[in-house]
Amino acid sequence: MKAVDTNVVVRYLTGDLPAQAAKARKVIGSGNILVLQSPCWRILLALSHGGN
């Protein structure tokens, strides 16, 4: 199991920075990941503010 950083999830959800988004899809697509609650809040914050 891999712990996934906030940036990986944001890239996966937004497709931003295509090369990084492709890597994020590969990691998350493996299905064997761990996302902690604290990074989830940061993800929601980043998405609600358009990444700013």
C-alpha atoms as a PDB file:
ATOM      1  CA  MET A   1       0.000   0.000   0.000  1.00  0.00           C
ATOM      2  CA  LYS A   2       1.226   3.491  -0.866  1.00  0.00           C
ATOM      3  CA  ALA A   3       0.381   6.673   1.011  1.00  0.00           C
ATOM      4  CA  VAL A   4      -0.652   9.276  -1.551  1.00  0.00           C
ATOM      5  CA  ASP A   5       0.281  12.941  -1.195  1.00  0.00           C
ATOM      6  CA  THR A   6      -2.282  15.704  -1.620  1.00  0.00           C
ATOM      7  CA  ASN A   7      -0.692  16.824  -4.889  1.00  0.00           C
ATOM      8  CA  VAL A   8      -1.128  13.383  -6.427  1.00  0.00           C
ATOM      9  CA  VAL A   9      -4.856  13.362  -5.693  1.00  0.00           C
ATOM     10  CA  VAL A  10      -5.322  16.934  -6.960  1.00  0.00           C
ATOM     11  CA  ARG A  11      -3.477  16.083 -10.210  1.00  0.00           C
ATOM     12  CA  TYR A  12      -5.637  12.985 -10.595  1.00  0.00           C
ATOM     13  CA  LEU A  13      -8.875  14.928 -10.079  1.00  0.00           C
ATOM     14  CA  THR A  14      -8.000  17.990 -12.167  1.00  0.00           C
ATOM     15  CA  GLY A  15      -5.739  16.593 -14.888  1.00  0.00           C
ATOM     16  CA  ASP A  16      -3.543  19.641 -14.317  1.00  0.00           C
ATOM     17  CA  LEU A  17       0.043  19.331 -15.546  1.00  0.00           C
ATOM     18  CA  PRO A  18      -0.576  16.451 -17.981  1.00  0.00           C
ATOM     19  CA  ALA A  19       2.670  14.580 -17.298  1.00  0.00           C
ATOM     20  CA  GLN A  20       2.067  14.606 -13.551  1.00  0.00           C
ATOM     21  CA  ALA A  21      -1.629  13.800 -14.006  1.00  0.00           C
ATOM     22  CA  ALA A  22      -0.665  10.704 -16.014  1.00  0.00           C
ATOM     23  CA  LYS A  23       1.613   9.539 -13.194  1.00  0.00           C
ATOM     24  CA  ALA A  24      -1.148  10.214 -10.667  1.00  0.00           C
ATOM     25  CA  ARG A  25      -3.613   8.114 -12.714  1.00  0.00           C
ATOM     26  CA  LYS A  26      -1.104   5.262 -12.736  1.00  0.00           C
ATOM     27  CA  VAL A  27      -0.559   5.355  -8.963  1.00  0.00           C
ATOM     28  CA  ILE A  28      -4.222   5.773  -8.068  1.00  0.00           C
ATOM     29  CA  GLY A  29      -5.259   3.269 -10.711  1.00  0.00           C
ATOM     30  CA  SER A  30      -3.277   0.607  -8.880  1.00  0.00           C
ATOM     31  CA  GLY A  31      -6.063   0.664  -6.285  1.00  0.00           C
ATOM     32  CA  ASN A  32      -3.693   0.006  -3.419  1.00  0.00           C
ATOM     33  CA  ILE A  33      -3.437   3.501  -1.906  1.00  0.00           C
ATOM     34  CA  LEU A  34      -3.949   5.296   1.380  1.00  0.00           C
ATOM     35  CA  VAL A  35      -5.141   8.899   1.655  1.00  0.00           C
ATOM     36  CA  LEU A  36      -5.206  10.281   5.189  1.00  0.00           C
ATOM     37  CA  GLN A  37      -7.988  12.547   6.442  1.00  0.00           C
ATOM     38  CA  SER A  38      -5.779  15.627   6.855  1.00  0.00           C
ATOM     39  CA  PRO A  39      -4.709  15.684   3.182  1.00  0.00           C
ATOM     40  CA  CYS A  40      -8.361  15.235   2.169  1.00  0.00           C
ATOM     41  CA  TRP A  41      -9.190  18.589   3.769  1.00  0.00           C
ATOM     42  CA  ARG A  42      -6.320  20.208   1.882  1.00  0.00           C
ATOM     43  CA  ILE A  43      -7.578  18.666  -1.350  1.00  0.00           C
ATOM     44  CA  LEU A  44     -11.057  20.102  -0.804  1.00  0.00           C
ATOM     45  CA  LEU A  45      -9.575  23.483   0.018  1.00  0.00           C
ATOM     46  CA  ALA A  46      -7.392  23.474  -3.109  1.00  0.00           C
ATOM     47  CA  LEU A  47     -10.300  22.493  -5.344  1.00  0.00           C
ATOM     48  CA  SER A  48     -12.699  25.003  -3.816  1.00  0.00           C
ATOM     49  CA  HIS A  49     -10.232  27.853  -4.398  1.00  0.00           C
ATOM     50  CA  GLY A  50      -9.256  26.830  -7.905  1.00  0.00           C
ATOM     51  CA  GLY A  51      -5.784  25.798  -6.743  1.00  0.00           C
ATOM     52  CA  ASN A  52      -4.874  29.290  -5.519  1.00  0.00           C
END
